[in-house]
Amino acid sequence: MAPVFAALGDETRLSLLTRLSEGHAQSIVELTRGTGLTRQGVSKHLAVLERAGVISRDRVGRESRYAVRPESLAEAGRYLERASRQWDDAIARLRKFVED
């Protein structure tokens, strides 16, 4: 899960992922619009997200279209839920220890 969280730790990549979460695959041109970044810059961020398995890329003619891989994000969510339960359990044990 570390590559996923590392990829999501960047504000630009998180913003691109949010835009892709709107439900339809988008091209570099669409994703670059309104960001103030170059297509090359957006492309580099998308490559990080793709390597982390968070998005997929499909070729449609001469252009690439990017889409969110929901199963990858769901897995990250499950990981966070497990970690949260572990922390809750640890805090409960510590509280019991202190109160006893």
PDB file of N, CA and C in Angstrom:
ATOM      1  N   MET A   1       0.803  -1.192   0.000  1.00  0.00           N
ATOM      2  CA  MET A   1       0.000   0.000   0.000  1.00  0.00           C
ATOM      3  C   MET A   1       0.856   1.271   0.000  1.00  0.00           C
ATOM      4  N   ALA A   2       2.122   1.132   0.326  1.00  0.00           N
ATOM      5  CA  ALA A   2       2.982   2.317   0.401  1.00  0.00           C
ATOM      6  C   ALA A   2       3.023   3.100  -0.907  1.00  0.00           C
ATOM      7  N   PRO A   3       3.147   2.448  -2.080  1.00  0.00           N
ATOM      8  CA  PRO A   3       3.152   3.240  -3.327  1.00  0.00           C
ATOM      9  C   PRO A   3       1.854   4.012  -3.551  1.00  0.00           C
ATOM     10  N   VAL A   4       0.739   3.428  -3.149  1.00  0.00           N
ATOM     11  CA  VAL A   4      -0.546   4.119  -3.303  1.00  0.00           C
ATOM     12  C   VAL A   4      -0.565   5.369  -2.441  1.00  0.00           C
ATOM     13  N   PHE A   5      -0.199   5.227  -1.173  1.00  0.00           N
ATOM     14  CA  PHE A   5      -0.240   6.386  -0.282  1.00  0.00           C
ATOM     15  C   PHE A   5       0.812   7.420  -0.655  1.00  0.00           C
ATOM     16  N   ALA A   6       1.952   6.976  -1.151  1.00  0.00           N
ATOM     17  CA  ALA A   6       2.973   7.924  -1.613  1.00  0.00           C
ATOM     18  C   ALA A   6       2.449   8.715  -2.805  1.00  0.00           C
ATOM     19  N   ALA A   7       1.781   8.025  -3.725  1.00  0.00           N
ATOM     20  CA  ALA A   7       1.225   8.711  -4.897  1.00  0.00           C
ATOM     21  C   ALA A   7       0.145   9.696  -4.494  1.00  0.00           C
ATOM     22  N   LEU A   8      -0.662   9.336  -3.513  1.00  0.00           N
ATOM     23  CA  LEU A   8      -1.753  10.210  -3.074  1.00  0.00           C
ATOM     24  C   LEU A   8      -1.279  11.331  -2.166  1.00  0.00           C
ATOM     25  N   GLY A   9      -0.029  11.272  -1.749  1.00  0.00           N
ATOM     26  CA  GLY A   9       0.507  12.280  -0.843  1.00  0.00           C
ATOM     27  C   GLY A   9       0.854  13.599  -1.512  1.00  0.00           C
ATOM     28  N   ASP A  10       0.735  13.662  -2.831  1.00  0.00           N
ATOM     29  CA  ASP A  10       1.043  14.883  -3.562  1.00  0.00           C
ATOM     30  C   ASP A  10      -0.261  15.605  -3.901  1.00  0.00           C
ATOM     31  N   GLU A  11      -0.324  16.883  -3.631  1.00  0.00           N
ATOM     32  CA  GLU A  11      -1.543  17.662  -3.837  1.00  0.00           C
ATOM     33  C   GLU A  11      -2.001  17.659  -5.298  1.00  0.00           C
ATOM     34  N   THR A  12      -1.066  17.761  -6.220  1.00  0.00           N
ATOM     35  CA  THR A  12      -1.423  17.771  -7.648  1.00  0.00           C
ATOM     36  C   THR A  12      -2.004  16.436  -8.063  1.00  0.00           C
ATOM     37  N   ARG A  13      -1.373  15.348  -7.635  1.00  0.00           N
ATOM     38  CA  ARG A  13      -1.880  14.019  -7.998  1.00  0.00           C
ATOM     39  C   ARG A  13      -3.244  13.775  -7.364  1.00  0.00           C
ATOM     40  N   LEU A  14      -3.420  14.222  -6.142  1.00  0.00           N
ATOM     41  CA  LEU A  14      -4.714  14.067  -5.486  1.00  0.00           C
ATOM     42  C   LEU A  14      -5.785  14.850  -6.233  1.00  0.00           C
ATOM     43  N   SER A  15      -5.441  16.035  -6.708  1.00  0.00           N
ATOM     44  CA  SER A  15      -6.368  16.840  -7.491  1.00  0.00           C
ATOM     45  C   SER A  15      -6.726  16.149  -8.809  1.00  0.00           C
ATOM     46  N   LEU A  16      -5.728  15.587  -9.482  1.00  0.00           N
ATOM     47  CA  LEU A  16      -5.995  14.856 -10.728  1.00  0.00           C
ATOM     48  C   LEU A  16      -6.896  13.651 -10.467  1.00  0.00           C
ATOM     49  N   LEU A  17      -6.645  12.947  -9.384  1.00  0.00           N
ATOM     50  CA  LEU A  17      -7.462  11.787  -9.040  1.00  0.00           C
ATOM     51  C   LEU A  17      -8.898  12.215  -8.752  1.00  0.00           C
ATOM     52  N   THR A  18      -9.061  13.335  -8.091  1.00  0.00           N
ATOM     53  CA  THR A  18     -10.401  13.856  -7.813  1.00  0.00           C
ATOM     54  C   THR A  18     -11.129  14.156  -9.115  1.00  0.00           C
ATOM     55  N   ARG A  19     -10.429  14.768 -10.057  1.00  0.00           N
ATOM     56  CA  ARG A  19     -11.044  15.054 -11.351  1.00  0.00           C
ATOM     57  C   ARG A  19     -11.412  13.772 -12.087  1.00  0.00           C
ATOM     58  N   LEU A  20     -10.553  12.768 -11.997  1.00  0.00           N
ATOM     59  CA  LEU A  20     -10.846  11.486 -12.653  1.00  0.00           C
ATOM     60  C   LEU A  20     -11.992  10.749 -11.966  1.00  0.00           C
ATOM     61  N   SER A  21     -12.227  11.044 -10.712  1.00  0.00           N
ATOM     62  CA  SER A  21     -13.287  10.382  -9.958  1.00  0.00           C
ATOM     63  C   SER A  21     -14.678  10.863 -10.367  1.00  0.00           C
ATOM     64  N   GLU A  22     -14.734  11.824 -11.257  1.00  0.00           N
ATOM     65  CA  GLU A  22     -16.023  12.335 -11.726  1.00  0.00           C
ATOM     66  C   GLU A  22     -16.766  11.313 -12.580  1.00  0.00           C
ATOM     67  N   GLY A  23     -16.104  10.222 -12.922  1.00  0.00           N
ATOM     68  CA  GLY A  23     -16.812   9.122 -13.534  1.00  0.00           C
ATOM     69  C   GLY A  23     -16.475   8.761 -14.954  1.00  0.00           C
ATOM     70  N   HIS A  24     -15.748   9.567 -15.686  1.00  0.00           N
ATOM     71  CA  HIS A  24     -15.430   9.193 -17.060  1.00  0.00           C
ATOM     72  C   HIS A  24     -13.941   9.354 -17.319  1.00  0.00           C
ATOM     73  N   ALA A  25     -13.446   8.530 -18.241  1.00  0.00           N
ATOM     74  CA  ALA A  25     -12.028   8.595 -18.600  1.00  0.00           C
ATOM     75  C   ALA A  25     -11.749   9.933 -19.271  1.00  0.00           C
ATOM     76  N   GLN A  26     -10.549  10.462 -19.017  1.00  0.00           N
ATOM     77  CA  GLN A  26     -10.189  11.765 -19.563  1.00  0.00           C
ATOM     78  C   GLN A  26      -8.800  11.711 -20.187  1.00  0.00           C
ATOM     79  N   SER A  27      -8.594  12.585 -21.154  1.00  0.00           N
ATOM     80  CA  SER A  27      -7.298  12.676 -21.836  1.00  0.00           C
ATOM     81  C   SER A  27      -6.394  13.652 -21.095  1.00  0.00           C
ATOM     82  N   ILE A  28      -5.134  13.676 -21.505  1.00  0.00           N
ATOM     83  CA  ILE A  28      -4.169  14.629 -20.942  1.00  0.00           C
ATOM     84  C   ILE A  28      -4.661  16.056 -21.153  1.00  0.00           C
ATOM     85  N   VAL A  29      -5.184  16.334 -22.333  1.00  0.00           N
ATOM     86  CA  VAL A  29      -5.664  17.688 -22.640  1.00  0.00           C
ATOM     87  C   VAL A  29      -6.761  18.091 -21.662  1.00  0.00           C
ATOM     88  N   GLU A  30      -7.715  17.189 -21.430  1.00  0.00           N
ATOM     89  CA  GLU A  30      -8.806  17.484 -20.496  1.00  0.00           C
ATOM     90  C   GLU A  30      -8.283  17.685 -19.078  1.00  0.00           C
ATOM     91  N   LEU A  31      -7.347  16.827 -18.675  1.00  0.00           N
ATOM     92  CA  LEU A  31      -6.829  16.901 -17.309  1.00  0.00           C
ATOM     93  C   LEU A  31      -5.922  18.104 -17.092  1.00  0.00           C
ATOM     94  N   THR A  32      -5.287  18.585 -18.142  1.00  0.00           N
ATOM     95  CA  THR A  32      -4.392  19.742 -18.031  1.00  0.00           C
ATOM     96  C   THR A  32      -5.188  21.042 -17.908  1.00  0.00           C
ATOM     97  N   ARG A  33      -6.332  21.088 -18.555  1.00  0.00           N
ATOM     98  CA  ARG A  33      -7.159  22.291 -18.583  1.00  0.00           C
ATOM     99  C   ARG A  33      -7.434  22.804 -17.159  1.00  0.00           C
ATOM    100  N   GLY A  34      -7.083  24.054 -16.927  1.00  0.00           N
ATOM    101  CA  GLY A  34      -7.369  24.703 -15.651  1.00  0.00           C
ATOM    102  C   GLY A  34      -6.390  24.416 -14.528  1.00  0.00           C
ATOM    103  N   THR A  35      -5.332  23.674 -14.791  1.00  0.00           N
ATOM    104  CA  THR A  35      -4.397  23.329 -13.713  1.00  0.00           C
ATOM    105  C   THR A  35      -3.215  24.279 -13.616  1.00  0.00           C
ATOM    106  N   GLY A  36      -2.898  24.962 -14.724  1.00  0.00           N
ATOM    107  CA  GLY A  36      -1.694  25.787 -14.736  1.00  0.00           C
ATOM    108  C   GLY A  36      -0.434  24.980 -14.951  1.00  0.00           C
ATOM    109  N   LEU A  37      -0.587  23.694 -15.228  1.00  0.00           N
ATOM    110  CA  LEU A  37       0.544  22.809 -15.492  1.00  0.00           C
ATOM    111  C   LEU A  37       0.655  22.539 -16.981  1.00  0.00           C
ATOM    112  N   THR A  38       1.821  22.118 -17.407  1.00  0.00           N
ATOM    113  CA  THR A  38       2.000  21.694 -18.792  1.00  0.00           C
ATOM    114  C   THR A  38       1.475  20.275 -18.952  1.00  0.00           C
ATOM    115  N   ARG A  39       1.235  19.874 -20.204  1.00  0.00           N
ATOM    116  CA  ARG A  39       0.816  18.496 -20.445  1.00  0.00           C
ATOM    117  C   ARG A  39       1.894  17.522 -19.979  1.00  0.00           C
ATOM    118  N   GLN A  40       3.150  17.904 -20.161  1.00  0.00           N
ATOM    119  CA  GLN A  40       4.249  17.047 -19.721  1.00  0.00           C
ATOM    120  C   GLN A  40       4.220  16.876 -18.199  1.00  0.00           C
ATOM    121  N   GLY A  41       3.959  17.969 -17.479  1.00  0.00           N
ATOM    122  CA  GLY A  41       3.878  17.895 -16.021  1.00  0.00           C
ATOM    123  C   GLY A  41       2.741  17.005 -15.562  1.00  0.00           C
ATOM    124  N   VAL A  42       1.580  17.170 -16.184  1.00  0.00           N
ATOM    125  CA  VAL A  42       0.427  16.326 -15.843  1.00  0.00           C
ATOM    126  C   VAL A  42       0.730  14.867 -16.184  1.00  0.00           C
ATOM    127  N   SER A  43       1.373  14.657 -17.314  1.00  0.00           N
ATOM    128  CA  SER A  43       1.724  13.306 -17.733  1.00  0.00           C
ATOM    129  C   SER A  43       2.623  12.617 -16.708  1.00  0.00           C
ATOM    130  N   LYS A  44       3.573  13.337 -16.154  1.00  0.00           N
ATOM    131  CA  LYS A  44       4.462  12.757 -15.142  1.00  0.00           C
ATOM    132  C   LYS A  44       3.687  12.368 -13.887  1.00  0.00           C
ATOM    133  N   HIS A  45       2.757  13.223 -13.469  1.00  0.00           N
ATOM    134  CA  HIS A  45       1.942  12.899 -12.290  1.00  0.00           C
ATOM    135  C   HIS A  45       1.047  11.690 -12.563  1.00  0.00           C
ATOM    136  N   LEU A  46       0.485  11.628 -13.766  1.00  0.00           N
ATOM    137  CA  LEU A  46      -0.352  10.480 -14.121  1.00  0.00           C
ATOM    138  C   LEU A  46       0.453   9.191 -14.148  1.00  0.00           C
ATOM    139  N   ALA A  47       1.701   9.270 -14.578  1.00  0.00           N
ATOM    140  CA  ALA A  47       2.563   8.078 -14.605  1.00  0.00           C
ATOM    141  C   ALA A  47       2.784   7.544 -13.193  1.00  0.00           C
ATOM    142  N   VAL A  48       2.946   8.436 -12.218  1.00  0.00           N
ATOM    143  CA  VAL A  48       3.114   8.007 -10.818  1.00  0.00           C
ATOM    144  C   VAL A  48       1.847   7.302 -10.339  1.00  0.00           C
ATOM    145  N   LEU A  49       0.691   7.890 -10.642  1.00  0.00           N
ATOM    146  CA  LEU A  49      -0.579   7.284 -10.234  1.00  0.00           C
ATOM    147  C   LEU A  49      -0.793   5.931 -10.912  1.00  0.00           C
ATOM    148  N   GLU A  50      -0.388   5.845 -12.166  1.00  0.00           N
ATOM    149  CA  GLU A  50      -0.530   4.581 -12.893  1.00  0.00           C
ATOM    150  C   GLU A  50       0.388   3.502 -12.321  1.00  0.00           C
ATOM    151  N   ARG A  51       1.641   3.859 -12.029  1.00  0.00           N
ATOM    152  CA  ARG A  51       2.572   2.880 -11.432  1.00  0.00           C
ATOM    153  C   ARG A  51       2.076   2.394 -10.073  1.00  0.00           C
ATOM    154  N   ALA A  52       1.402   3.267  -9.336  1.00  0.00           N
ATOM    155  CA  ALA A  52       0.869   2.890  -8.023  1.00  0.00           C
ATOM    156  C   ALA A  52      -0.399   2.045  -8.161  1.00  0.00           C
ATOM    157  N   GLY A  53      -0.926   1.941  -9.381  1.00  0.00           N
ATOM    158  CA  GLY A  53      -2.116   1.129  -9.608  1.00  0.00           C
ATOM    159  C   GLY A  53      -3.422   1.833  -9.308  1.00  0.00           C
ATOM    160  N   VAL A  54      -3.380   3.140  -9.149  1.00  0.00           N
ATOM    161  CA  VAL A  54      -4.570   3.912  -8.773  1.00  0.00           C
ATOM    162  C   VAL A  54      -5.408   4.273  -9.999  1.00  0.00           C
ATOM    163  N   ILE A  55      -4.756   4.432 -11.136  1.00  0.00           N
ATOM    164  CA  ILE A  55      -5.464   4.740 -12.376  1.00  0.00           C
ATOM    165  C   ILE A  55      -5.027   3.779 -13.466  1.00  0.00           C
ATOM    166  N   SER A  56      -5.814   3.718 -14.519  1.00  0.00           N
ATOM    167  CA  SER A  56      -5.453   2.922 -15.687  1.00  0.00           C
ATOM    168  C   SER A  56      -5.415   3.842 -16.903  1.00  0.00           C
ATOM    169  N   ARG A  57      -4.715   3.381 -17.927  1.00  0.00           N
ATOM    170  CA  ARG A  57      -4.595   4.160 -19.161  1.00  0.00           C
ATOM    171  C   ARG A  57      -4.984   3.264 -20.325  1.00  0.00           C
ATOM    172  N   ASP A  58      -5.852   3.770 -21.169  1.00  0.00           N
ATOM    173  CA  ASP A  58      -6.250   3.055 -22.376  1.00  0.00           C
ATOM    174  C   ASP A  58      -5.990   3.947 -23.574  1.00  0.00           C
ATOM    175  N   ARG A  59      -5.475   3.334 -24.625  1.00  0.00           N
ATOM    176  CA  ARG A  59      -5.253   4.063 -25.874  1.00  0.00           C
ATOM    177  C   ARG A  59      -6.542   4.058 -26.679  1.00  0.00           C
ATOM    178  N   VAL A  60      -6.942   5.246 -27.120  1.00  0.00           N
ATOM    179  CA  VAL A  60      -8.094   5.397 -27.996  1.00  0.00           C
ATOM    180  C   VAL A  60      -7.603   6.197 -29.192  1.00  0.00           C
ATOM    181  N   GLY A  61      -7.325   5.499 -30.262  1.00  0.00           N
ATOM    182  CA  GLY A  61      -6.714   6.164 -31.410  1.00  0.00           C
ATOM    183  C   GLY A  61      -5.322   6.637 -31.040  1.00  0.00           C
ATOM    184  N   ARG A  62      -5.081   7.912 -31.233  1.00  0.00           N
ATOM    185  CA  ARG A  62      -3.769   8.479 -30.928  1.00  0.00           C
ATOM    186  C   ARG A  62      -3.660   9.018 -29.511  1.00  0.00           C
ATOM    187  N   GLU A  63      -4.748   9.001 -28.774  1.00  0.00           N
ATOM    188  CA  GLU A  63      -4.688   9.590 -27.441  1.00  0.00           C
ATOM    189  C   GLU A  63      -4.854   8.544 -26.355  1.00  0.00           C
ATOM    190  N   SER A  64      -4.301   8.862 -25.202  1.00  0.00           N
ATOM    191  CA  SER A  64      -4.475   8.016 -24.025  1.00  0.00           C
ATOM    192  C   SER A  64      -5.582   8.610 -23.177  1.00  0.00           C
ATOM    193  N   ARG A  65      -6.409   7.736 -22.621  1.00  0.00           N
ATOM    194  CA  ARG A  65      -7.476   8.162 -21.727  1.00  0.00           C
ATOM    195  C   ARG A  65      -7.237   7.493 -20.379  1.00  0.00           C
ATOM    196  N   TYR A  66      -7.376   8.273 -19.338  1.00  0.00           N
ATOM    197  CA  TYR A  66      -7.073   7.814 -17.980  1.00  0.00           C
ATOM    198  C   TYR A  66      -8.360   7.691 -17.178  1.00  0.00           C
ATOM    199  N   ALA A  67      -8.405   6.669 -16.339  1.00  0.00           N
ATOM    200  CA  ALA A  67      -9.574   6.426 -15.494  1.00  0.00           C
ATOM    201  C   ALA A  67      -9.124   5.890 -14.143  1.00  0.00           C
ATOM    202  N   VAL A  68      -9.940   6.124 -13.150  1.00  0.00           N
ATOM    203  CA  VAL A  68      -9.671   5.631 -11.790  1.00  0.00           C
ATOM    204  C   VAL A  68      -9.879   4.125 -11.758  1.00  0.00           C
ATOM    205  N   ARG A  69      -9.046   3.439 -10.981  1.00  0.00           N
ATOM    206  CA  ARG A  69      -9.223   2.008 -10.713  1.00  0.00           C
ATOM    207  C   ARG A  69      -9.854   1.902  -9.322  1.00  0.00           C
ATOM    208  N   PRO A  70     -11.180   1.855  -9.243  1.00  0.00           N
ATOM    209  CA  PRO A  70     -11.863   1.884  -7.944  1.00  0.00           C
ATOM    210  C   PRO A  70     -11.427   0.771  -6.998  1.00  0.00           C
ATOM    211  N   GLU A  71     -11.075  -0.405  -7.557  1.00  0.00           N
ATOM    212  CA  GLU A  71     -10.690  -1.520  -6.680  1.00  0.00           C
ATOM    213  C   GLU A  71      -9.419  -1.198  -5.904  1.00  0.00           C
ATOM    214  N   SER A  72      -8.534  -0.438  -6.498  1.00  0.00           N
ATOM    215  CA  SER A  72      -7.294  -0.050  -5.827  1.00  0.00           C
ATOM    216  C   SER A  72      -7.584   0.907  -4.677  1.00  0.00           C
ATOM    217  N   LEU A  73      -8.476   1.856  -4.922  1.00  0.00           N
ATOM    218  CA  LEU A  73      -8.839   2.804  -3.861  1.00  0.00           C
ATOM    219  C   LEU A  73      -9.630   2.115  -2.757  1.00  0.00           C
ATOM    220  N   ALA A  74     -10.452   1.144  -3.130  1.00  0.00           N
ATOM    221  CA  ALA A  74     -11.203   0.387  -2.118  1.00  0.00           C
ATOM    222  C   ALA A  74     -10.241  -0.389  -1.224  1.00  0.00           C
ATOM    223  N   GLU A  75      -9.208  -0.964  -1.825  1.00  0.00           N
ATOM    224  CA  GLU A  75      -8.203  -1.698  -1.039  1.00  0.00           C
ATOM    225  C   GLU A  75      -7.482  -0.759  -0.072  1.00  0.00           C
ATOM    226  N   ALA A  76      -7.161   0.445  -0.530  1.00  0.00           N
ATOM    227  CA  ALA A  76      -6.523   1.434   0.346  1.00  0.00           C
ATOM    228  C   ALA A  76      -7.457   1.812   1.492  1.00  0.00           C
ATOM    229  N   GLY A  77      -8.735   1.942   1.188  1.00  0.00           N
ATOM    230  CA  GLY A  77      -9.721   2.252   2.236  1.00  0.00           C
ATOM    231  C   GLY A  77      -9.802   1.143   3.271  1.00  0.00           C
ATOM    232  N   ARG A  78      -9.799  -0.104   2.807  1.00  0.00           N
ATOM    233  CA  ARG A  78      -9.829  -1.240   3.756  1.00  0.00           C
ATOM    234  C   ARG A  78      -8.582  -1.256   4.631  1.00  0.00           C
ATOM    235  N   TYR A  79      -7.437  -0.941   4.038  1.00  0.00           N
ATOM    236  CA  TYR A  79      -6.198  -0.884   4.808  1.00  0.00           C
ATOM    237  C   TYR A  79      -6.315   0.175   5.913  1.00  0.00           C
ATOM    238  N   LEU A  80      -6.824   1.350   5.571  1.00  0.00           N
ATOM    239  CA  LEU A  80      -6.977   2.421   6.559  1.00  0.00           C
ATOM    240  C   LEU A  80      -7.968   2.035   7.661  1.00  0.00           C
ATOM    241  N   GLU A  81      -9.029   1.327   7.287  1.00  0.00           N
ATOM    242  CA  GLU A  81      -9.993   0.862   8.291  1.00  0.00           C
ATOM    243  C   GLU A  81      -9.339  -0.102   9.270  1.00  0.00           C
ATOM    244  N   ARG A  82      -8.536  -1.049   8.742  1.00  0.00           N
ATOM    245  CA  ARG A  82      -7.834  -2.000   9.620  1.00  0.00           C
ATOM    246  C   ARG A  82      -6.872  -1.264  10.548  1.00  0.00           C
ATOM    247  N   ALA A  83      -6.112  -0.331   9.992  1.00  0.00           N
ATOM    248  CA  ALA A  83      -5.153   0.434  10.802  1.00  0.00           C
ATOM    249  C   ALA A  83      -5.884   1.228  11.871  1.00  0.00           C
ATOM    250  N   SER A  84      -7.003   1.805  11.520  1.00  0.00           N
ATOM    251  CA  SER A  84      -7.786   2.586  12.486  1.00  0.00           C
ATOM    252  C   SER A  84      -8.286   1.703  13.628  1.00  0.00           C
ATOM    253  N   ARG A  85      -8.776   0.493  13.285  1.00  0.00           N
ATOM    254  CA  ARG A  85      -9.228  -0.432  14.338  1.00  0.00           C
ATOM    255  C   ARG A  85      -8.071  -0.828  15.250  1.00  0.00           C
ATOM    256  N   GLN A  86      -6.901  -1.066  14.661  1.00  0.00           N
ATOM    257  CA  GLN A  86      -5.739  -1.436  15.475  1.00  0.00           C
ATOM    258  C   GLN A  86      -5.374  -0.312  16.443  1.00  0.00           C
ATOM    259  N   TRP A  87      -5.398   0.923  15.960  1.00  0.00           N
ATOM    260  CA  TRP A  87      -5.099   2.057  16.835  1.00  0.00           C
ATOM    261  C   TRP A  87      -6.165   2.202  17.915  1.00  0.00           C
ATOM    262  N   ASP A  88      -7.421   2.030  17.545  1.00  0.00           N
ATOM    263  CA  ASP A  88      -8.496   2.108  18.540  1.00  0.00           C
ATOM    264  C   ASP A  88      -8.308   1.050  19.617  1.00  0.00           C
ATOM    265  N   ASP A  89      -7.944  -0.171  19.207  1.00  0.00           N
ATOM    266  CA  ASP A  89      -7.706  -1.248  20.176  1.00  0.00           C
ATOM    267  C   ASP A  89      -6.516  -0.918  21.079  1.00  0.00           C
ATOM    268  N   ALA A  90      -5.453  -0.389  20.495  1.00  0.00           N
ATOM    269  CA  ALA A  90      -4.265  -0.035  21.281  1.00  0.00           C
ATOM    270  C   ALA A  90      -4.587   1.061  22.292  1.00  0.00           C
ATOM    271  N   ILE A  91      -5.354   2.037  21.879  1.00  0.00           N
ATOM    272  CA  ILE A  91      -5.732   3.128  22.791  1.00  0.00           C
ATOM    273  C   ILE A  91      -6.624   2.598  23.905  1.00  0.00           C
ATOM    274  N   ALA A  92      -7.533   1.703  23.577  1.00  0.00           N
ATOM    275  CA  ALA A  92      -8.404   1.113  24.598  1.00  0.00           C
ATOM    276  C   ALA A  92      -7.584   0.331  25.614  1.00  0.00           C
ATOM    277  N   ARG A  93      -6.586  -0.440  25.146  1.00  0.00           N
ATOM    278  CA  ARG A  93      -5.721  -1.185  26.071  1.00  0.00           C
ATOM    279  C   ARG A  93      -4.925  -0.236  26.962  1.00  0.00           C
ATOM    280  N   LEU A  94      -4.425   0.833  26.380  1.00  0.00           N
ATOM    281  CA  LEU A  94      -3.664   1.810  27.152  1.00  0.00           C
ATOM    282  C   LEU A  94      -4.560   2.482  28.192  1.00  0.00           C
ATOM    283  N   ARG A  95      -5.781   2.845  27.800  1.00  0.00           N
ATOM    284  CA  ARG A  95      -6.714   3.471  28.743  1.00  0.00           C
ATOM    285  C   ARG A  95      -7.002   2.518  29.901  1.00  0.00           C
ATOM    286  N   LYS A  96      -7.230   1.246  29.588  1.00  0.00           N
ATOM    287  CA  LYS A  96      -7.515   0.249  30.630  1.00  0.00           C
ATOM    288  C   LYS A  96      -6.304   0.108  31.555  1.00  0.00           C
ATOM    289  N   PHE A  97      -5.110   0.065  30.995  1.00  0.00           N
ATOM    290  CA  PHE A  97      -3.888  -0.051  31.784  1.00  0.00           C
ATOM    291  C   PHE A  97      -3.747   1.150  32.726  1.00  0.00           C
ATOM    292  N   VAL A  98      -3.971   2.341  32.221  1.00  0.00           N
ATOM    293  CA  VAL A  98      -3.824   3.556  33.031  1.00  0.00           C
ATOM    294  C   VAL A  98      -4.895   3.605  34.125  1.00  0.00           C
ATOM    295  N   GLU A  99      -6.113   3.216  33.786  1.00  0.00           N
ATOM    296  CA  GLU A  99      -7.211   3.279  34.752  1.00  0.00           C
ATOM    297  C   GLU A  99      -7.095   2.206  35.817  1.00  0.00           C
ATOM    298  N   ASP A 100      -6.449   1.090  35.497  1.00  0.00           N
ATOM    299  CA  ASP A 100      -6.293   0.011  36.482  1.00  0.00           C
ATOM    300  C   ASP A 100      -5.152   0.382  37.372  1.00  0.00           C
TER     301      ASP A 100
END
